[in-house]
Amino acid sequence: MVHAFTQDVPIDLPTYERIIAAIGPEPLEGQLVHLCVRRPDGGLRYIDVWESAESCGRAFDERIHPAVAAVLAERRPDREPTSSPLEVLHLTGTAVPAAD
């Protein structure tokens, strides 16, 4: 069962680009899709799909949170932005694992 969510983040594109650079070019294990779009209010929205909640949690613990902490060292928010789960009804693409 895949794990998918949206998350609105109060950052701008240059900050997002610094976070992505800090994460590094190696693929995040278990990540199937990461889409970043601009919200009408100017913030950003992430749409993520992972192989599992466990692979997502590991990636956040090992790579994403350390990168965010390094970039936002002086203005890190007090809490993680709210994530909203998504119910995936259909997913296709080259990064999607075959169904068991």
N, C-alpha and C. Protein backbone atom coordinates (compact mmCIF):
# COMPACT_ATOMS: atom_id res chain seq x y z
N MET A 1 0.86 -1.18 0.00
CA MET A 1 0.00 0.00 0.00
C MET A 1 0.90 1.24 0.00
N VAL A 2 0.68 2.13 -0.94
CA VAL A 2 1.48 3.35 -1.01
C VAL A 2 1.04 4.32 0.08
N HIS A 3 1.93 5.27 0.36
CA HIS A 3 1.68 6.33 1.34
C HIS A 3 1.76 7.65 0.57
N ALA A 4 0.70 8.44 0.60
CA ALA A 4 0.68 9.69 -0.16
C ALA A 4 0.10 10.81 0.70
N PHE A 5 0.59 12.03 0.47
CA PHE A 5 0.10 13.17 1.23
C PHE A 5 0.40 14.47 0.50
N THR A 6 -0.28 15.53 0.92
CA THR A 6 0.07 16.88 0.51
C THR A 6 0.54 17.62 1.75
N GLN A 7 1.37 18.61 1.54
CA GLN A 7 1.87 19.42 2.64
C GLN A 7 2.11 20.84 2.13
N ASP A 8 1.47 21.81 2.78
CA ASP A 8 1.69 23.21 2.43
C ASP A 8 2.82 23.73 3.30
N VAL A 9 3.81 24.36 2.65
CA VAL A 9 4.98 24.85 3.38
C VAL A 9 5.14 26.36 3.14
N PRO A 10 5.44 27.09 4.20
CA PRO A 10 5.54 28.55 4.08
C PRO A 10 6.94 29.01 3.68
N ILE A 11 7.42 28.51 2.55
CA ILE A 11 8.74 28.91 2.08
C ILE A 11 8.63 29.38 0.63
N ASP A 12 9.68 30.05 0.16
CA ASP A 12 9.71 30.50 -1.23
C ASP A 12 10.56 29.54 -2.07
N LEU A 13 10.56 29.76 -3.37
CA LEU A 13 11.28 28.86 -4.28
C LEU A 13 12.78 28.82 -4.00
N PRO A 14 13.47 29.95 -3.77
CA PRO A 14 14.90 29.86 -3.49
C PRO A 14 15.21 29.03 -2.24
N THR A 15 14.38 29.12 -1.22
CA THR A 15 14.59 28.31 -0.01
C THR A 15 14.38 26.84 -0.34
N TYR A 16 13.32 26.54 -1.09
CA TYR A 16 13.06 25.15 -1.51
C TYR A 16 14.27 24.61 -2.28
N GLU A 17 14.80 25.40 -3.19
CA GLU A 17 15.94 24.95 -4.00
C GLU A 17 17.17 24.67 -3.13
N ARG A 18 17.37 25.45 -2.08
CA ARG A 18 18.49 25.21 -1.16
C ARG A 18 18.26 23.91 -0.38
N ILE A 19 17.03 23.64 0.01
CA ILE A 19 16.72 22.39 0.71
C ILE A 19 16.97 21.20 -0.20
N ILE A 20 16.51 21.27 -1.44
CA ILE A 20 16.72 20.18 -2.40
C ILE A 20 18.22 19.94 -2.61
N ALA A 21 18.99 21.00 -2.73
CA ALA A 21 20.44 20.86 -2.90
C ALA A 21 21.06 20.19 -1.66
N ALA A 22 20.58 20.54 -0.47
CA ALA A 22 21.10 19.96 0.77
C ALA A 22 20.73 18.48 0.89
N ILE A 23 19.57 18.09 0.36
CA ILE A 23 19.18 16.67 0.37
C ILE A 23 20.13 15.87 -0.50
N GLY A 24 20.56 16.46 -1.61
CA GLY A 24 21.51 15.80 -2.50
C GLY A 24 20.83 15.13 -3.68
N PRO A 25 21.62 14.76 -4.68
CA PRO A 25 21.06 14.24 -5.93
C PRO A 25 20.65 12.76 -5.87
N GLU A 26 21.10 12.03 -4.85
CA GLU A 26 20.76 10.61 -4.78
C GLU A 26 19.26 10.45 -4.54
N PRO A 27 18.62 9.53 -5.23
CA PRO A 27 17.18 9.32 -5.02
C PRO A 27 16.89 8.94 -3.56
N LEU A 28 15.75 9.36 -3.07
CA LEU A 28 15.31 8.98 -1.74
C LEU A 28 14.68 7.60 -1.83
N GLU A 29 15.20 6.65 -1.07
CA GLU A 29 14.71 5.29 -1.13
C GLU A 29 13.22 5.23 -0.80
N GLY A 30 12.45 4.65 -1.69
CA GLY A 30 11.02 4.49 -1.47
C GLY A 30 10.16 5.61 -2.00
N GLN A 31 10.76 6.71 -2.44
CA GLN A 31 9.95 7.82 -2.97
C GLN A 31 9.58 7.52 -4.41
N LEU A 32 8.28 7.56 -4.70
CA LEU A 32 7.80 7.32 -6.05
C LEU A 32 7.58 8.62 -6.80
N VAL A 33 7.02 9.62 -6.13
CA VAL A 33 6.72 10.91 -6.76
C VAL A 33 6.90 12.01 -5.74
N HIS A 34 7.55 13.09 -6.15
CA HIS A 34 7.56 14.33 -5.36
C HIS A 34 7.26 15.45 -6.34
N LEU A 35 6.20 16.18 -6.06
CA LEU A 35 5.79 17.30 -6.90
C LEU A 35 5.70 18.53 -6.02
N CYS A 36 6.33 19.60 -6.45
CA CYS A 36 6.26 20.87 -5.72
C CYS A 36 5.58 21.88 -6.63
N VAL A 37 4.50 22.49 -6.13
CA VAL A 37 3.74 23.48 -6.90
C VAL A 37 3.58 24.75 -6.07
N ARG A 38 3.39 25.87 -6.76
CA ARG A 38 3.15 27.14 -6.07
C ARG A 38 1.68 27.26 -5.73
N ARG A 39 1.40 27.63 -4.48
CA ARG A 39 0.02 27.89 -4.05
C ARG A 39 -0.36 29.30 -4.47
N PRO A 40 -1.66 29.58 -4.59
CA PRO A 40 -2.10 30.93 -4.97
C PRO A 40 -1.60 32.03 -4.01
N ASP A 41 -1.40 31.67 -2.72
CA ASP A 41 -0.93 32.67 -1.75
C ASP A 41 0.58 32.88 -1.79
N GLY A 42 1.29 32.16 -2.67
CA GLY A 42 2.73 32.34 -2.82
C GLY A 42 3.56 31.28 -2.13
N GLY A 43 2.99 30.54 -1.19
CA GLY A 43 3.72 29.45 -0.56
C GLY A 43 3.83 28.27 -1.52
N LEU A 44 4.38 27.19 -1.02
CA LEU A 44 4.55 26.00 -1.84
C LEU A 44 3.73 24.85 -1.29
N ARG A 45 3.36 23.94 -2.16
CA ARG A 45 2.64 22.72 -1.77
C ARG A 45 3.42 21.54 -2.32
N TYR A 46 3.65 20.57 -1.46
CA TYR A 46 4.27 19.31 -1.87
C TYR A 46 3.17 18.27 -2.04
N ILE A 47 3.33 17.43 -3.03
CA ILE A 47 2.49 16.26 -3.21
C ILE A 47 3.47 15.09 -3.33
N ASP A 48 3.41 14.19 -2.37
CA ASP A 48 4.36 13.09 -2.30
C ASP A 48 3.66 11.75 -2.33
N VAL A 49 4.31 10.78 -3.00
CA VAL A 49 3.85 9.40 -2.99
C VAL A 49 5.07 8.53 -2.70
N TRP A 50 4.91 7.68 -1.70
CA TRP A 50 5.99 6.80 -1.24
C TRP A 50 5.54 5.34 -1.32
N GLU A 51 6.50 4.44 -1.41
CA GLU A 51 6.19 3.01 -1.40
C GLU A 51 5.47 2.62 -0.12
N SER A 52 5.82 3.28 1.00
CA SER A 52 5.21 2.96 2.30
C SER A 52 5.42 4.12 3.26
N ALA A 53 4.63 4.14 4.32
CA ALA A 53 4.82 5.15 5.36
C ALA A 53 6.19 4.98 6.03
N GLU A 54 6.66 3.75 6.13
CA GLU A 54 7.96 3.48 6.75
C GLU A 54 9.10 4.06 5.92
N SER A 55 9.06 3.89 4.61
CA SER A 55 10.13 4.44 3.77
C SER A 55 10.10 5.96 3.81
N CYS A 56 8.92 6.53 3.87
CA CYS A 56 8.78 7.99 4.00
C CYS A 56 9.39 8.45 5.32
N GLY A 57 9.04 7.80 6.40
CA GLY A 57 9.58 8.17 7.71
C GLY A 57 11.09 8.09 7.77
N ARG A 58 11.67 7.03 7.21
CA ARG A 58 13.13 6.90 7.18
C ARG A 58 13.77 8.04 6.41
N ALA A 59 13.21 8.37 5.24
CA ALA A 59 13.77 9.44 4.42
C ALA A 59 13.72 10.78 5.16
N PHE A 60 12.60 11.05 5.85
CA PHE A 60 12.50 12.29 6.61
C PHE A 60 13.52 12.31 7.74
N ASP A 61 13.65 11.20 8.46
CA ASP A 61 14.59 11.14 9.58
C ASP A 61 16.04 11.25 9.13
N GLU A 62 16.39 10.55 8.06
CA GLU A 62 17.78 10.44 7.64
C GLU A 62 18.26 11.56 6.73
N ARG A 63 17.38 12.11 5.88
CA ARG A 63 17.86 13.08 4.89
C ARG A 63 17.07 14.36 4.83
N ILE A 64 15.73 14.29 4.87
CA ILE A 64 14.94 15.50 4.66
C ILE A 64 15.01 16.44 5.85
N HIS A 65 14.71 15.94 7.05
CA HIS A 65 14.77 16.83 8.22
C HIS A 65 16.16 17.42 8.46
N PRO A 66 17.26 16.65 8.34
CA PRO A 66 18.58 17.29 8.48
C PRO A 66 18.83 18.39 7.45
N ALA A 67 18.37 18.19 6.21
CA ALA A 67 18.56 19.21 5.18
C ALA A 67 17.76 20.46 5.50
N VAL A 68 16.50 20.28 5.91
CA VAL A 68 15.65 21.42 6.27
C VAL A 68 16.26 22.17 7.46
N ALA A 69 16.73 21.44 8.45
CA ALA A 69 17.32 22.07 9.64
C ALA A 69 18.55 22.89 9.26
N ALA A 70 19.36 22.38 8.35
CA ALA A 70 20.56 23.11 7.93
C ALA A 70 20.21 24.40 7.20
N VAL A 71 19.22 24.34 6.31
CA VAL A 71 18.83 25.51 5.53
C VAL A 71 18.08 26.53 6.37
N LEU A 72 17.21 26.05 7.26
CA LEU A 72 16.37 26.95 8.05
C LEU A 72 16.89 27.11 9.48
N ALA A 73 18.20 26.98 9.66
CA ALA A 73 18.78 26.98 11.01
C ALA A 73 18.32 28.15 11.87
N GLU A 74 18.21 29.33 11.29
CA GLU A 74 17.86 30.51 12.08
C GLU A 74 16.37 30.80 12.11
N ARG A 75 15.60 30.19 11.23
CA ARG A 75 14.17 30.48 11.20
C ARG A 75 13.32 29.23 11.05
N ARG A 76 13.79 28.17 11.68
CA ARG A 76 13.04 26.90 11.64
C ARG A 76 11.72 27.05 12.36
N PRO A 77 10.61 26.62 11.76
CA PRO A 77 9.31 26.70 12.42
C PRO A 77 9.29 25.83 13.67
N ASP A 78 8.39 26.16 14.60
CA ASP A 78 8.26 25.40 15.84
C ASP A 78 7.72 24.00 15.62
N ARG A 79 7.01 23.81 14.52
CA ARG A 79 6.41 22.50 14.27
C ARG A 79 6.45 22.19 12.77
N GLU A 80 6.29 20.92 12.48
CA GLU A 80 6.24 20.46 11.09
C GLU A 80 4.95 20.98 10.45
N PRO A 81 5.00 21.45 9.20
CA PRO A 81 3.75 21.83 8.53
C PRO A 81 2.78 20.66 8.48
N THR A 82 1.52 20.96 8.52
CA THR A 82 0.48 19.93 8.52
C THR A 82 0.47 19.18 7.19
N SER A 83 0.40 17.87 7.29
CA SER A 83 0.27 17.01 6.11
C SER A 83 -1.16 16.51 6.04
N SER A 84 -1.67 16.43 4.83
CA SER A 84 -3.01 15.88 4.61
C SER A 84 -2.87 14.60 3.80
N PRO A 85 -3.37 13.48 4.33
CA PRO A 85 -3.24 12.21 3.60
C PRO A 85 -4.06 12.24 2.32
N LEU A 86 -3.59 11.50 1.36
CA LEU A 86 -4.29 11.32 0.09
C LEU A 86 -4.60 9.84 -0.08
N GLU A 87 -5.78 9.52 -0.56
CA GLU A 87 -6.13 8.15 -0.88
C GLU A 87 -5.82 7.95 -2.36
N VAL A 88 -4.82 7.13 -2.63
CA VAL A 88 -4.41 6.88 -4.01
C VAL A 88 -5.31 5.82 -4.61
N LEU A 89 -6.01 6.18 -5.66
CA LEU A 89 -6.92 5.25 -6.34
C LEU A 89 -6.27 4.61 -7.55
N HIS A 90 -5.32 5.32 -8.17
CA HIS A 90 -4.65 4.81 -9.36
C HIS A 90 -3.33 5.53 -9.49
N LEU A 91 -2.28 4.79 -9.77
CA LEU A 91 -0.96 5.36 -9.90
C LEU A 91 -0.22 4.61 -11.00
N THR A 92 0.24 5.33 -12.01
CA THR A 92 1.03 4.73 -13.07
C THR A 92 2.25 5.58 -13.30
N GLY A 93 3.23 5.03 -13.95
CA GLY A 93 4.45 5.76 -14.28
C GLY A 93 5.64 4.83 -14.21
N THR A 94 6.76 5.31 -14.67
CA THR A 94 7.96 4.46 -14.73
C THR A 94 8.54 4.18 -13.36
N ALA A 95 8.27 5.02 -12.36
CA ALA A 95 8.83 4.81 -11.02
C ALA A 95 7.93 3.97 -10.13
N VAL A 96 6.81 3.53 -10.63
CA VAL A 96 5.85 2.79 -9.82
C VAL A 96 6.21 1.31 -9.82
N PRO A 97 6.37 0.70 -8.63
CA PRO A 97 6.68 -0.74 -8.61
C PRO A 97 5.49 -1.56 -9.09
N ALA A 98 5.78 -2.71 -9.62
CA ALA A 98 4.71 -3.60 -10.09
C ALA A 98 3.88 -4.08 -8.90
N ALA A 99 2.59 -4.25 -9.12
CA ALA A 99 1.69 -4.75 -8.07
C ALA A 99 2.04 -6.19 -7.76
N ASP A 100 1.92 -6.53 -6.48
CA ASP A 100 2.21 -7.92 -6.06
C ASP A 100 1.08 -8.84 -6.43
